């Protein structure tokens, strides 16, 4: 029974990881129709609470789920 539970947890974790979608900087710019400078101002503005990017191989990515949560908190439709 423990093996099944562990396998189920592994499958659930793998499914979650596959559902994680990331957007690049240009994709975030296109989503909000803003320049890269504006996006970085948003990232640095603590009052705005814009999601922080994740760096992977010196490139910045944003979790789509973080962006959607931020939009919902602000009532913004992308």
PDB file of N, CA and C in Angstrom:
ATOM      1  N   UNK A   1       0.829  -1.195   0.000  1.00  0.00           N
ATOM      2  CA  UNK A   1       0.000   0.000   0.000  1.00  0.00           C
ATOM      3  C   UNK A   1       0.872   1.257   0.000  1.00  0.00           C
ATOM      4  N   UNK A   2       1.981   1.240   0.744  1.00  0.00           N
ATOM      5  CA  UNK A   2       2.847   2.409   0.772  1.00  0.00           C
ATOM      6  C   UNK A   2       3.460   2.675  -0.590  1.00  0.00           C
ATOM      7  N   UNK A   3       3.766   1.603  -1.334  1.00  0.00           N
ATOM      8  CA  UNK A   3       4.333   1.774  -2.670  1.00  0.00           C
ATOM      9  C   UNK A   3       3.336   2.471  -3.581  1.00  0.00           C
ATOM     10  N   UNK A   4       2.061   2.097  -3.479  1.00  0.00           N
ATOM     11  CA  UNK A   4       1.030   2.732  -4.302  1.00  0.00           C
ATOM     12  C   UNK A   4       0.895   4.205  -3.944  1.00  0.00           C
ATOM     13  N   UNK A   5       0.926   4.499  -2.652  1.00  0.00           N
ATOM     14  CA  UNK A   5       0.796   5.881  -2.213  1.00  0.00           C
ATOM     15  C   UNK A   5       1.966   6.705  -2.710  1.00  0.00           C
ATOM     16  N   UNK A   6       3.160   6.158  -2.605  1.00  0.00           N
ATOM     17  CA  UNK A   6       4.335   6.878  -3.076  1.00  0.00           C
ATOM     18  C   UNK A   6       4.249   7.094  -4.585  1.00  0.00           C
ATOM     19  N   UNK A   7       3.825   6.088  -5.315  1.00  0.00           N
ATOM     20  CA  UNK A   7       3.689   6.202  -6.761  1.00  0.00           C
ATOM     21  C   UNK A   7       2.641   7.251  -7.119  1.00  0.00           C
ATOM     22  N   UNK A   8       1.549   7.268  -6.396  1.00  0.00           N
ATOM     23  CA  UNK A   8       0.504   8.257  -6.649  1.00  0.00           C
ATOM     24  C   UNK A   8       1.026   9.664  -6.390  1.00  0.00           C
ATOM     25  N   UNK A   9       1.795   9.827  -5.326  1.00  0.00           N
ATOM     26  CA  UNK A   9       2.374  11.134  -5.023  1.00  0.00           C
ATOM     27  C   UNK A   9       3.358  11.548  -6.112  1.00  0.00           C
ATOM     28  N   UNK A  10       4.162  10.589  -6.572  1.00  0.00           N
ATOM     29  CA  UNK A  10       5.120  10.878  -7.639  1.00  0.00           C
ATOM     30  C   UNK A  10       4.390  11.297  -8.912  1.00  0.00           C
ATOM     31  N   UNK A  11       3.316  10.584  -9.236  1.00  0.00           N
ATOM     32  CA  UNK A  11       2.543  10.923 -10.432  1.00  0.00           C
ATOM     33  C   UNK A  11       1.891  12.293 -10.290  1.00  0.00           C
ATOM     34  N   UNK A  12       1.367  12.585  -9.113  1.00  0.00           N
ATOM     35  CA  UNK A  12       0.735  13.883  -8.879  1.00  0.00           C
ATOM     36  C   UNK A  12       1.770  14.998  -8.989  1.00  0.00           C
ATOM     37  N   UNK A  13       2.952  14.764  -8.440  1.00  0.00           N
ATOM     38  CA  UNK A  13       4.015  15.751  -8.511  1.00  0.00           C
ATOM     39  C   UNK A  13       4.454  15.965  -9.958  1.00  0.00           C
ATOM     40  N   UNK A  14       4.594  14.893 -10.702  1.00  0.00           N
ATOM     41  CA  UNK A  14       4.992  14.989 -12.104  1.00  0.00           C
ATOM     42  C   UNK A  14       3.924  15.716 -12.919  1.00  0.00           C
ATOM     43  N   UNK A  15       2.658  15.422 -12.639  1.00  0.00           N
ATOM     44  CA  UNK A  15       1.568  16.089 -13.354  1.00  0.00           C
ATOM     45  C   UNK A  15       1.574  17.586 -13.058  1.00  0.00           C
ATOM     46  N   UNK A  16       1.819  17.938 -11.798  1.00  0.00           N
ATOM     47  CA  UNK A  16       1.880  19.351 -11.429  1.00  0.00           C
ATOM     48  C   UNK A  16       3.025  20.045 -12.155  1.00  0.00           C
ATOM     49  N   UNK A  17       4.173  19.397 -12.201  1.00  0.00           N
ATOM     50  CA  UNK A  17       5.336  19.986 -12.859  1.00  0.00           C
ATOM     51  C   UNK A  17       5.071  20.181 -14.350  1.00  0.00           C
ATOM     52  N   UNK A  18       4.362  19.249 -14.970  1.00  0.00           N
ATOM     53  CA  UNK A  18       4.055  19.384 -16.388  1.00  0.00           C
ATOM     54  C   UNK A  18       3.074  20.513 -16.630  1.00  0.00           C
ATOM     55  N   UNK A  19       2.195  20.781 -15.672  1.00  0.00           N
ATOM     56  CA  UNK A  19       1.209  21.845 -15.823  1.00  0.00           C
ATOM     57  C   UNK A  19       1.821  23.222 -15.602  1.00  0.00           C
ATOM     58  N   UNK A  20       2.985  23.277 -14.958  1.00  0.00           N
ATOM     59  CA  UNK A  20       3.659  24.551 -14.755  1.00  0.00           C
ATOM     60  C   UNK A  20       4.043  25.110 -16.113  1.00  0.00           C
ATOM     61  N   UNK A  21       3.542  26.268 -16.403  1.00  0.00           N
ATOM     62  CA  UNK A  21       3.871  26.894 -17.667  1.00  0.00           C
ATOM     63  C   UNK A  21       4.617  28.191 -17.368  1.00  0.00           C
ATOM     64  N   UNK A  22       5.659  28.434 -18.139  1.00  0.00           N
ATOM     65  CA  UNK A  22       6.479  29.613 -17.952  1.00  0.00           C
ATOM     66  C   UNK A  22       6.398  30.504 -19.176  1.00  0.00           C
ATOM     67  N   UNK A  23       6.463  31.804 -18.949  1.00  0.00           N
ATOM     68  CA  UNK A  23       6.490  32.771 -20.040  1.00  0.00           C
ATOM     69  C   UNK A  23       7.834  33.487 -20.037  1.00  0.00           C
ATOM     70  N   UNK A  24       8.351  33.738 -21.211  1.00  0.00           N
ATOM     71  CA  UNK A  24       9.599  34.483 -21.350  1.00  0.00           C
ATOM     72  C   UNK A  24       9.301  35.972 -21.198  1.00  0.00           C
ATOM     73  N   UNK A  25      10.346  36.766 -21.120  1.00  0.00           N
ATOM     74  CA  UNK A  25      10.182  38.210 -21.039  1.00  0.00           C
ATOM     75  C   UNK A  25       9.364  38.770 -22.205  1.00  0.00           C
ATOM     76  N   UNK A  26       9.717  38.417 -23.450  1.00  0.00           N
ATOM     77  CA  UNK A  26       8.932  38.921 -24.576  1.00  0.00           C
ATOM     78  C   UNK A  26       7.465  38.482 -24.539  1.00  0.00           C
ATOM     79  N   UNK A  27       7.198  37.292 -24.027  1.00  0.00           N
ATOM     80  CA  UNK A  27       5.813  36.831 -23.909  1.00  0.00           C
ATOM     81  C   UNK A  27       5.053  37.640 -22.861  1.00  0.00           C
ATOM     82  N   UNK A  28       5.729  37.981 -21.764  1.00  0.00           N
ATOM     83  CA  UNK A  28       5.103  38.818 -20.733  1.00  0.00           C
ATOM     84  C   UNK A  28       4.839  40.204 -21.300  1.00  0.00           C
ATOM     85  N   UNK A  29       5.800  40.728 -22.057  1.00  0.00           N
ATOM     86  CA  UNK A  29       5.612  42.032 -22.693  1.00  0.00           C
ATOM     87  C   UNK A  29       4.402  42.011 -23.624  1.00  0.00           C
ATOM     88  N   UNK A  30       4.265  40.965 -24.407  1.00  0.00           N
ATOM     89  CA  UNK A  30       3.138  40.852 -25.328  1.00  0.00           C
ATOM     90  C   UNK A  30       1.817  40.692 -24.566  1.00  0.00           C
ATOM     91  N   UNK A  31       1.853  39.941 -23.475  1.00  0.00           N
ATOM     92  CA  UNK A  31       0.638  39.702 -22.683  1.00  0.00           C
ATOM     93  C   UNK A  31       0.057  41.016 -22.161  1.00  0.00           C
ATOM     94  N   UNK A  32       0.921  41.907 -21.704  1.00  0.00           N
ATOM     95  CA  UNK A  32       0.467  43.172 -21.117  1.00  0.00           C
ATOM     96  C   UNK A  32       0.630  44.368 -22.063  1.00  0.00           C
ATOM     97  N   UNK A  33       1.180  44.117 -23.242  1.00  0.00           N
ATOM     98  CA  UNK A  33       1.419  45.165 -24.234  1.00  0.00           C
ATOM     99  C   UNK A  33       2.230  46.315 -23.632  1.00  0.00           C
ATOM    100  N   UNK A  34       3.312  45.931 -22.951  1.00  0.00           N
ATOM    101  CA  UNK A  34       4.216  46.892 -22.300  1.00  0.00           C
ATOM    102  C   UNK A  34       5.654  46.586 -22.716  1.00  0.00           C
ATOM    103  N   UNK A  35       6.508  47.584 -22.614  1.00  0.00           N
ATOM    104  CA  UNK A  35       7.923  47.403 -22.957  1.00  0.00           C
ATOM    105  C   UNK A  35       8.647  46.644 -21.844  1.00  0.00           C
ATOM    106  N   UNK A  36       9.859  46.185 -22.165  1.00  0.00           N
ATOM    107  CA  UNK A  36      10.647  45.478 -21.146  1.00  0.00           C
ATOM    108  C   UNK A  36      10.991  46.403 -19.987  1.00  0.00           C
ATOM    109  N   UNK A  37      11.153  47.675 -20.267  1.00  0.00           N
ATOM    110  CA  UNK A  37      11.461  48.634 -19.205  1.00  0.00           C
ATOM    111  C   UNK A  37      10.282  48.737 -18.235  1.00  0.00           C
ATOM    112  N   UNK A  38       9.087  48.801 -18.762  1.00  0.00           N
ATOM    113  CA  UNK A  38       7.897  48.875 -17.900  1.00  0.00           C
ATOM    114  C   UNK A  38       7.759  47.621 -17.056  1.00  0.00           C
ATOM    115  N   UNK A  39       7.983  46.458 -17.668  1.00  0.00           N
ATOM    116  CA  UNK A  39       7.890  45.198 -16.914  1.00  0.00           C
ATOM    117  C   UNK A  39       8.898  45.218 -15.762  1.00  0.00           C
ATOM    118  N   UNK A  40      10.121  45.670 -16.019  1.00  0.00           N
ATOM    119  CA  UNK A  40      11.122  45.703 -14.952  1.00  0.00           C
ATOM    120  C   UNK A  40      10.787  46.744 -13.893  1.00  0.00           C
ATOM    121  N   UNK A  41      10.144  47.815 -14.262  1.00  0.00           N
ATOM    122  CA  UNK A  41       9.681  48.771 -13.258  1.00  0.00           C
ATOM    123  C   UNK A  41       8.627  48.127 -12.369  1.00  0.00           C
ATOM    124  N   UNK A  42       7.744  47.369 -12.995  1.00  0.00           N
ATOM    125  CA  UNK A  42       6.717  46.661 -12.217  1.00  0.00           C
ATOM    126  C   UNK A  42       7.362  45.678 -11.243  1.00  0.00           C
ATOM    127  N   UNK A  43       8.385  44.950 -11.713  1.00  0.00           N
ATOM    128  CA  UNK A  43       9.074  43.972 -10.855  1.00  0.00           C
ATOM    129  C   UNK A  43       9.706  44.671  -9.654  1.00  0.00           C
ATOM    130  N   UNK A  44      10.258  45.842  -9.852  1.00  0.00           N
ATOM    131  CA  UNK A  44      10.957  46.567  -8.780  1.00  0.00           C
ATOM    132  C   UNK A  44      10.020  47.353  -7.863  1.00  0.00           C
ATOM    133  N   UNK A  45       8.775  47.557  -8.275  1.00  0.00           N
ATOM    134  CA  UNK A  45       7.812  48.326  -7.489  1.00  0.00           C
ATOM    135  C   UNK A  45       7.136  47.418  -6.457  1.00  0.00           C
ATOM    136  N   UNK A  46       7.548  47.535  -5.204  1.00  0.00           N
ATOM    137  CA  UNK A  46       7.020  46.671  -4.141  1.00  0.00           C
ATOM    138  C   UNK A  46       5.516  46.865  -3.942  1.00  0.00           C
ATOM    139  N   UNK A  47       5.022  48.076  -4.159  1.00  0.00           N
ATOM    140  CA  UNK A  47       3.593  48.348  -3.969  1.00  0.00           C
ATOM    141  C   UNK A  47       2.736  47.642  -5.019  1.00  0.00           C
ATOM    142  N   UNK A  48       3.283  47.423  -6.189  1.00  0.00           N
ATOM    143  CA  UNK A  48       2.544  46.791  -7.275  1.00  0.00           C
ATOM    144  C   UNK A  48       2.432  45.281  -7.077  1.00  0.00           C
ATOM    145  N   UNK A  49       3.404  44.692  -6.397  1.00  0.00           N
ATOM    146  CA  UNK A  49       3.400  43.257  -6.093  1.00  0.00           C
ATOM    147  C   UNK A  49       3.395  42.388  -7.355  1.00  0.00           C
ATOM    148  N   UNK A  50       4.074  42.840  -8.402  1.00  0.00           N
ATOM    149  CA  UNK A  50       4.181  42.066  -9.634  1.00  0.00           C
ATOM    150  C   UNK A  50       5.072  40.860  -9.368  1.00  0.00           C
ATOM    151  N   UNK A  51       4.728  39.693  -9.933  1.00  0.00           N
ATOM    152  CA  UNK A  51       5.529  38.477  -9.673  1.00  0.00           C
ATOM    153  C   UNK A  51       6.991  38.638 -10.078  1.00  0.00           C
ATOM    154  N   UNK A  52       7.851  38.067  -9.287  1.00  0.00           N
ATOM    155  CA  UNK A  52       9.282  38.074  -9.575  1.00  0.00           C
ATOM    156  C   UNK A  52       9.592  36.996 -10.607  1.00  0.00           C
ATOM    157  N   UNK A  53      10.502  37.276 -11.520  1.00  0.00           N
ATOM    158  CA  UNK A  53      10.876  36.250 -12.497  1.00  0.00           C
ATOM    159  C   UNK A  53      11.775  35.195 -11.871  1.00  0.00           C
ATOM    160  N   UNK A  54      11.851  34.080 -12.543  1.00  0.00           N
ATOM    161  CA  UNK A  54      12.747  32.989 -12.165  1.00  0.00           C
ATOM    162  C   UNK A  54      13.862  32.975 -13.195  1.00  0.00           C
ATOM    163  N   UNK A  55      15.094  32.927 -12.739  1.00  0.00           N
ATOM    164  CA  UNK A  55      16.215  32.891 -13.687  1.00  0.00           C
ATOM    165  C   UNK A  55      16.612  31.454 -13.960  1.00  0.00           C
ATOM    166  N   UNK A  56      16.651  31.121 -15.240  1.00  0.00           N
ATOM    167  CA  UNK A  56      17.103  29.812 -15.691  1.00  0.00           C
ATOM    168  C   UNK A  56      18.130  30.071 -16.789  1.00  0.00           C
ATOM    169  N   UNK A  57      19.347  29.650 -16.556  1.00  0.00           N
ATOM    170  CA  UNK A  57      20.442  29.887 -17.517  1.00  0.00           C
ATOM    171  C   UNK A  57      20.537  31.356 -17.915  1.00  0.00           C
ATOM    172  N   UNK A  58      20.481  32.219 -16.925  1.00  0.00           N
ATOM    173  CA  UNK A  58      20.604  33.670 -17.085  1.00  0.00           C
ATOM    174  C   UNK A  58      19.466  34.304 -17.889  1.00  0.00           C
ATOM    175  N   UNK A  59      18.395  33.570 -18.110  1.00  0.00           N
ATOM    176  CA  UNK A  59      17.206  34.108 -18.772  1.00  0.00           C
ATOM    177  C   UNK A  59      16.085  34.182 -17.752  1.00  0.00           C
ATOM    178  N   UNK A  60      15.186  35.138 -17.928  1.00  0.00           N
ATOM    179  CA  UNK A  60      14.089  35.330 -16.976  1.00  0.00           C
ATOM    180  C   UNK A  60      12.800  34.725 -17.503  1.00  0.00           C
ATOM    181  N   UNK A  61      12.124  34.028 -16.605  1.00  0.00           N
ATOM    182  CA  UNK A  61      10.839  33.413 -16.913  1.00  0.00           C
ATOM    183  C   UNK A  61       9.870  33.739 -15.790  1.00  0.00           C
ATOM    184  N   UNK A  62       8.614  33.858 -16.134  1.00  0.00           N
ATOM    185  CA  UNK A  62       7.562  34.062 -15.138  1.00  0.00           C
ATOM    186  C   UNK A  62       6.621  32.885 -15.184  1.00  0.00           C
ATOM    187  N   UNK A  63       6.193  32.431 -13.997  1.00  0.00           N
ATOM    188  CA  UNK A  63       5.183  31.375 -13.937  1.00  0.00           C
ATOM    189  C   UNK A  63       3.850  31.973 -14.384  1.00  0.00           C
ATOM    190  N   UNK A  64       3.199  31.303 -15.298  1.00  0.00           N
ATOM    191  CA  UNK A  64       1.901  31.758 -15.770  1.00  0.00           C
ATOM    192  C   UNK A  64       0.917  31.818 -14.608  1.00  0.00           C
ATOM    193  N   UNK A  65       0.985  30.854 -13.713  1.00  0.00           N
ATOM    194  CA  UNK A  65       0.063  30.834 -12.565  1.00  0.00           C
ATOM    195  C   UNK A  65       0.273  32.059 -11.671  1.00  0.00           C
ATOM    196  N   UNK A  66       1.525  32.505 -11.513  1.00  0.00           N
ATOM    197  CA  UNK A  66       1.802  33.710 -10.717  1.00  0.00           C
ATOM    198  C   UNK A  66       1.216  34.955 -11.388  1.00  0.00           C
ATOM    199  N   UNK A  67       1.376  35.030 -12.708  1.00  0.00           N
ATOM    200  CA  UNK A  67       0.835  36.170 -13.438  1.00  0.00           C
ATOM    201  C   UNK A  67      -0.692  36.200 -13.367  1.00  0.00           C
ATOM    202  N   UNK A  68      -1.313  35.030 -13.512  1.00  0.00           N
ATOM    203  CA  UNK A  68      -2.772  34.959 -13.440  1.00  0.00           C
ATOM    204  C   UNK A  68      -3.278  35.341 -12.055  1.00  0.00           C
ATOM    205  N   UNK A  69      -2.566  34.907 -11.018  1.00  0.00           N
ATOM    206  CA  UNK A  69      -2.953  35.274  -9.649  1.00  0.00           C
ATOM    207  C   UNK A  69      -2.816  36.770  -9.445  1.00  0.00           C
ATOM    208  N   UNK A  70      -1.747  37.363  -9.982  1.00  0.00           N
ATOM    209  CA  UNK A  70      -1.557  38.809  -9.882  1.00  0.00           C
ATOM    210  C   UNK A  70      -2.677  39.556 -10.605  1.00  0.00           C
ATOM    211  N   UNK A  71      -3.023  39.075 -11.788  1.00  0.00           N
ATOM    212  CA  UNK A  71      -4.120  39.683 -12.548  1.00  0.00           C
ATOM    213  C   UNK A  71      -5.434  39.612 -11.758  1.00  0.00           C
ATOM    214  N   UNK A  72      -5.701  38.454 -11.176  1.00  0.00           N
ATOM    215  CA  UNK A  72      -6.945  38.277 -10.412  1.00  0.00           C
ATOM    216  C   UNK A  72      -6.976  39.211  -9.202  1.00  0.00           C
ATOM    217  N   UNK A  73      -5.821  39.403  -8.571  1.00  0.00           N
ATOM    218  CA  UNK A  73      -5.777  40.266  -7.395  1.00  0.00           C
ATOM    219  C   UNK A  73      -6.004  41.735  -7.762  1.00  0.00           C
ATOM    220  N   UNK A  74      -5.670  42.081  -8.991  1.00  0.00           N
ATOM    221  CA  UNK A  74      -5.835  43.457  -9.444  1.00  0.00           C
ATOM    222  C   UNK A  74      -7.093  43.659 -10.275  1.00  0.00           C
ATOM    223  N   UNK A  75      -7.749  42.569 -10.630  1.00  0.00           N
ATOM    224  CA  UNK A  75      -8.941  42.672 -11.473  1.00  0.00           C
ATOM    225  C   UNK A  75      -8.598  43.044 -12.902  1.00  0.00           C
ATOM    226  N   UNK A  76      -7.402  42.593 -13.372  1.00  0.00           N
ATOM    227  CA  UNK A  76      -6.930  42.903 -14.718  1.00  0.00           C
ATOM    228  C   UNK A  76      -7.212  41.720 -15.625  1.00  0.00           C
ATOM    229  N   UNK A  77      -7.778  41.978 -16.776  1.00  0.00           N
ATOM    230  CA  UNK A  77      -7.971  40.927 -17.776  1.00  0.00           C
ATOM    231  C   UNK A  77      -6.899  41.051 -18.830  1.00  0.00           C
ATOM    232  N   UNK A  78      -6.199  39.950 -19.070  1.00  0.00           N
ATOM    233  CA  UNK A  78      -5.118  39.971 -20.060  1.00  0.00           C
ATOM    234  C   UNK A  78      -5.668  39.769 -21.448  1.00  0.00           C
TER     235      UNK A  78
END
